[in-house]
Amino acid sequence: MEQKLAKAFQAIRYEINSDLSENIWQAIVLRDRHIARIKLWAFSIIGLVSFIGLIPVLKIMLSDLTQSGFYEYLSLIFSSGSIITYWKDFLLLIAESLPVISIISSLTLIFIFFLSIRYALKQIIKGQLMLSF
């Protein structure tokens, strides 16, 4: 049995494929390009959705600011000089009139938008560098 196995291995001559390393490298590069393209599309879609979602959130924030009377309280700074004596109470009044949830949601969407732009540009640069190789 061992002699037959030894003869079988001797009969088979393993020839190294000269293009094997090049084929492996091309497969790795194609895979990296594919992943970079998927990430670029994902970050672009996330950025677009956050930008589109930012429009109604900003409208809601502006309506919340007008309903809370924030503008009226803020205009007291320029119209009355007696605000200086009660500045602590005035700052608390302005802080209470701020629509915090609307501000947080709009700032979150702005952050997501700029972060997705950053990562999308990083993928574009990475893709350009991969094309140069």
C-alpha atoms as a PDB file:
ATOM      1  CA  MET A   1       0.000   0.000   0.000  1.00  0.00           C
ATOM      2  CA  GLU A   2       2.757   2.429   0.923  1.00  0.00           C
ATOM      3  CA  GLN A   3       4.666   1.607  -2.256  1.00  0.00           C
ATOM      4  CA  LYS A   4       1.611   2.319  -4.384  1.00  0.00           C
ATOM      5  CA  LEU A   5       1.081   5.596  -2.568  1.00  0.00           C
ATOM      6  CA  ALA A   6       4.741   6.533  -3.026  1.00  0.00           C
ATOM      7  CA  LYS A   7       4.554   5.702  -6.746  1.00  0.00           C
ATOM      8  CA  ALA A   8       1.368   7.772  -7.084  1.00  0.00           C
ATOM      9  CA  PHE A   9       3.024  10.799  -5.475  1.00  0.00           C
ATOM     10  CA  GLN A  10       6.112  10.401  -7.611  1.00  0.00           C
ATOM     11  CA  ALA A  11       4.027  10.111 -10.757  1.00  0.00           C
ATOM     12  CA  ILE A  12       2.206  13.343  -9.989  1.00  0.00           C
ATOM     13  CA  ARG A  13       4.497  16.236 -10.484  1.00  0.00           C
ATOM     14  CA  TYR A  14       3.327  19.399  -8.875  1.00  0.00           C
ATOM     15  CA  GLU A  15       3.984  22.346 -11.087  1.00  0.00           C
ATOM     16  CA  ILE A  16       3.880  25.727  -9.502  1.00  0.00           C
ATOM     17  CA  ASN A  17       1.623  28.106 -11.338  1.00  0.00           C
ATOM     18  CA  SER A  18       3.720  31.146 -12.163  1.00  0.00           C
ATOM     19  CA  ASP A  19       0.642  33.414 -12.094  1.00  0.00           C
ATOM     20  CA  LEU A  20      -0.569  32.199  -8.717  1.00  0.00           C
ATOM     21  CA  SER A  21       0.777  35.098  -6.659  1.00  0.00           C
ATOM     22  CA  GLU A  22      -0.462  37.619  -9.216  1.00  0.00           C
ATOM     23  CA  ASN A  23      -3.920  36.025  -9.235  1.00  0.00           C
ATOM     24  CA  ILE A  24      -4.079  36.081  -5.442  1.00  0.00           C
ATOM     25  CA  TRP A  25      -3.025  39.738  -5.383  1.00  0.00           C
ATOM     26  CA  GLN A  26      -5.646  40.652  -7.992  1.00  0.00           C
ATOM     27  CA  ALA A  27      -8.334  38.855  -5.979  1.00  0.00           C
ATOM     28  CA  ILE A  28      -7.341  40.777  -2.854  1.00  0.00           C
ATOM     29  CA  VAL A  29      -7.355  44.100  -4.717  1.00  0.00           C
ATOM     30  CA  LEU A  30     -10.747  43.382  -6.307  1.00  0.00           C
ATOM     31  CA  ARG A  31     -12.189  42.425  -2.919  1.00  0.00           C
ATOM     32  CA  ASP A  32     -10.853  45.621  -1.326  1.00  0.00           C
ATOM     33  CA  ARG A  33     -12.286  47.716  -4.167  1.00  0.00           C
ATOM     34  CA  HIS A  34     -15.645  46.013  -3.789  1.00  0.00           C
ATOM     35  CA  ILE A  35     -15.702  46.638  -0.027  1.00  0.00           C
ATOM     36  CA  ALA A  36     -14.638  50.265  -0.530  1.00  0.00           C
ATOM     37  CA  ARG A  37     -17.413  50.754  -3.103  1.00  0.00           C
ATOM     38  CA  ILE A  38     -20.031  49.276  -0.744  1.00  0.00           C
ATOM     39  CA  LYS A  39     -18.818  51.502   2.102  1.00  0.00           C
ATOM     40  CA  LEU A  40     -18.901  54.550  -0.165  1.00  0.00           C
ATOM     41  CA  TRP A  41     -22.508  53.864  -1.170  1.00  0.00           C
ATOM     42  CA  ALA A  42     -23.524  53.157   2.435  1.00  0.00           C
ATOM     43  CA  PHE A  43     -21.963  56.362   3.770  1.00  0.00           C
ATOM     44  CA  SER A  44     -23.420  58.351   0.887  1.00  0.00           C
ATOM     45  CA  ILE A  45     -26.914  57.028   1.556  1.00  0.00           C
ATOM     46  CA  ILE A  46     -26.588  57.686   5.287  1.00  0.00           C
ATOM     47  CA  GLY A  47     -25.407  61.238   4.578  1.00  0.00           C
ATOM     48  CA  LEU A  48     -28.244  61.855   2.138  1.00  0.00           C
ATOM     49  CA  VAL A  49     -30.863  60.513   4.555  1.00  0.00           C
ATOM     50  CA  SER A  50     -29.502  62.613   7.408  1.00  0.00           C
ATOM     51  CA  PHE A  51     -29.451  65.722   5.196  1.00  0.00           C
ATOM     52  CA  ILE A  52     -33.025  65.134   4.048  1.00  0.00           C
ATOM     53  CA  GLY A  53     -34.084  64.453   7.642  1.00  0.00           C
ATOM     54  CA  LEU A  54     -32.413  67.660   8.738  1.00  0.00           C
ATOM     55  CA  ILE A  55     -34.903  69.835   6.856  1.00  0.00           C
ATOM     56  CA  PRO A  56     -38.030  68.878   8.861  1.00  0.00           C
ATOM     57  CA  VAL A  57     -36.076  68.762  12.114  1.00  0.00           C
ATOM     58  CA  LEU A  58     -34.853  72.341  11.577  1.00  0.00           C
ATOM     59  CA  LYS A  59     -38.420  73.434  10.790  1.00  0.00           C
ATOM     60  CA  ILE A  60     -39.617  71.796  14.011  1.00  0.00           C
ATOM     61  CA  MET A  61     -36.792  73.449  15.959  1.00  0.00           C
ATOM     62  CA  LEU A  62     -37.668  76.891  14.581  1.00  0.00           C
ATOM     63  CA  SER A  63     -41.333  76.430  15.412  1.00  0.00           C
ATOM     64  CA  ASP A  64     -40.404  75.240  18.916  1.00  0.00           C
ATOM     65  CA  LEU A  65     -38.212  78.311  19.377  1.00  0.00           C
ATOM     66  CA  THR A  66     -41.060  80.634  18.389  1.00  0.00           C
ATOM     67  CA  GLN A  67     -43.622  78.790  20.538  1.00  0.00           C
ATOM     68  CA  SER A  68     -41.411  78.809  23.613  1.00  0.00           C
ATOM     69  CA  GLY A  69     -40.922  82.571  23.485  1.00  0.00           C
ATOM     70  CA  PHE A  70     -37.159  82.303  23.224  1.00  0.00           C
ATOM     71  CA  TYR A  71     -36.946  85.186  20.745  1.00  0.00           C
ATOM     72  CA  GLU A  72     -38.995  87.466  22.995  1.00  0.00           C
ATOM     73  CA  TYR A  73     -36.790  86.712  25.996  1.00  0.00           C
ATOM     74  CA  LEU A  74     -33.673  87.212  23.901  1.00  0.00           C
ATOM     75  CA  SER A  75     -34.950  90.559  22.611  1.00  0.00           C
ATOM     76  CA  LEU A  76     -35.164  91.809  26.209  1.00  0.00           C
ATOM     77  CA  ILE A  77     -31.365  91.971  26.282  1.00  0.00           C
ATOM     78  CA  PHE A  78     -31.359  94.739  23.692  1.00  0.00           C
ATOM     79  CA  SER A  79     -34.478  96.597  24.820  1.00  0.00           C
ATOM     80  CA  SER A  80     -34.128  96.864  28.564  1.00  0.00           C
ATOM     81  CA  GLY A  81     -31.198  97.923  30.682  1.00  0.00           C
ATOM     82  CA  SER A  82     -32.600  96.400  33.877  1.00  0.00           C
ATOM     83  CA  ILE A  83     -31.663  92.905  32.726  1.00  0.00           C
ATOM     84  CA  ILE A  84     -28.128  93.500  33.968  1.00  0.00           C
ATOM     85  CA  THR A  85     -29.260  93.558  37.590  1.00  0.00           C
ATOM     86  CA  TYR A  86     -31.182  90.287  37.283  1.00  0.00           C
ATOM     87  CA  TRP A  87     -28.858  88.496  34.904  1.00  0.00           C
ATOM     88  CA  LYS A  88     -28.908  85.147  36.782  1.00  0.00           C
ATOM     89  CA  ASP A  89     -32.685  84.923  36.680  1.00  0.00           C
ATOM     90  CA  PHE A  90     -32.663  86.023  33.072  1.00  0.00           C
ATOM     91  CA  LEU A  91     -30.182  83.292  32.063  1.00  0.00           C
ATOM     92  CA  LEU A  92     -32.300  80.675  33.820  1.00  0.00           C
ATOM     93  CA  LEU A  93     -35.384  81.973  32.012  1.00  0.00           C
ATOM     94  CA  ILE A  94     -33.629  81.736  28.642  1.00  0.00           C
ATOM     95  CA  ALA A  95     -32.311  78.246  29.468  1.00  0.00           C
ATOM     96  CA  GLU A  96     -35.805  77.060  30.389  1.00  0.00           C
ATOM     97  CA  SER A  97     -37.281  78.387  27.166  1.00  0.00           C
ATOM     98  CA  LEU A  98     -34.830  76.512  24.924  1.00  0.00           C
ATOM     99  CA  PRO A  99     -36.320  73.507  23.079  1.00  0.00           C
ATOM    100  CA  VAL A 100     -33.609  71.068  24.117  1.00  0.00           C
ATOM    101  CA  ILE A 101     -34.950  67.974  22.329  1.00  0.00           C
ATOM    102  CA  SER A 102     -35.202  69.786  18.995  1.00  0.00           C
ATOM    103  CA  ILE A 103     -31.707  71.214  19.361  1.00  0.00           C
ATOM    104  CA  ILE A 104     -30.234  67.826  20.291  1.00  0.00           C
ATOM    105  CA  SER A 105     -31.947  66.071  17.387  1.00  0.00           C
ATOM    106  CA  SER A 106     -30.820  68.686  14.857  1.00  0.00           C
ATOM    107  CA  LEU A 107     -27.246  68.641  16.170  1.00  0.00           C
ATOM    108  CA  THR A 108     -27.254  64.838  16.028  1.00  0.00           C
ATOM    109  CA  LEU A 109     -28.347  64.852  12.392  1.00  0.00           C
ATOM    110  CA  ILE A 110     -25.742  67.491  11.542  1.00  0.00           C
ATOM    111  CA  PHE A 111     -23.078  65.374  13.251  1.00  0.00           C
ATOM    112  CA  ILE A 112     -24.169  62.236  11.369  1.00  0.00           C
ATOM    113  CA  PHE A 113     -24.181  64.157   8.082  1.00  0.00           C
ATOM    114  CA  PHE A 114     -20.657  65.508   8.494  1.00  0.00           C
ATOM    115  CA  LEU A 115     -19.364  62.193   9.807  1.00  0.00           C
ATOM    116  CA  SER A 116     -20.783  60.324   6.815  1.00  0.00           C
ATOM    117  CA  ILE A 117     -19.258  62.898   4.453  1.00  0.00           C
ATOM    118  CA  ARG A 118     -15.917  62.401   6.165  1.00  0.00           C
ATOM    119  CA  TYR A 119     -16.038  58.614   5.841  1.00  0.00           C
ATOM    120  CA  ALA A 120     -17.303  58.785   2.257  1.00  0.00           C
ATOM    121  CA  LEU A 121     -14.418  61.067   1.302  1.00  0.00           C
ATOM    122  CA  LYS A 122     -12.040  58.700   3.057  1.00  0.00           C
ATOM    123  CA  GLN A 123     -13.399  55.845   0.932  1.00  0.00           C
ATOM    124  CA  ILE A 124     -13.021  57.930  -2.227  1.00  0.00           C
ATOM    125  CA  ILE A 125      -9.407  58.709  -1.379  1.00  0.00           C
ATOM    126  CA  LYS A 126      -8.772  55.073  -0.516  1.00  0.00           C
ATOM    127  CA  GLY A 127     -10.337  54.034  -3.833  1.00  0.00           C
ATOM    128  CA  GLN A 128      -8.167  56.486  -5.746  1.00  0.00           C
ATOM    129  CA  LEU A 129      -5.080  55.147  -4.032  1.00  0.00           C
ATOM    130  CA  MET A 130      -6.081  51.575  -4.878  1.00  0.00           C
ATOM    131  CA  LEU A 131      -6.506  52.519  -8.534  1.00  0.00           C
ATOM    132  CA  SER A 132      -2.963  53.852  -8.632  1.00  0.00           C
ATOM    133  CA  PHE A 133      -1.492  50.460  -7.730  1.00  0.00           C
END
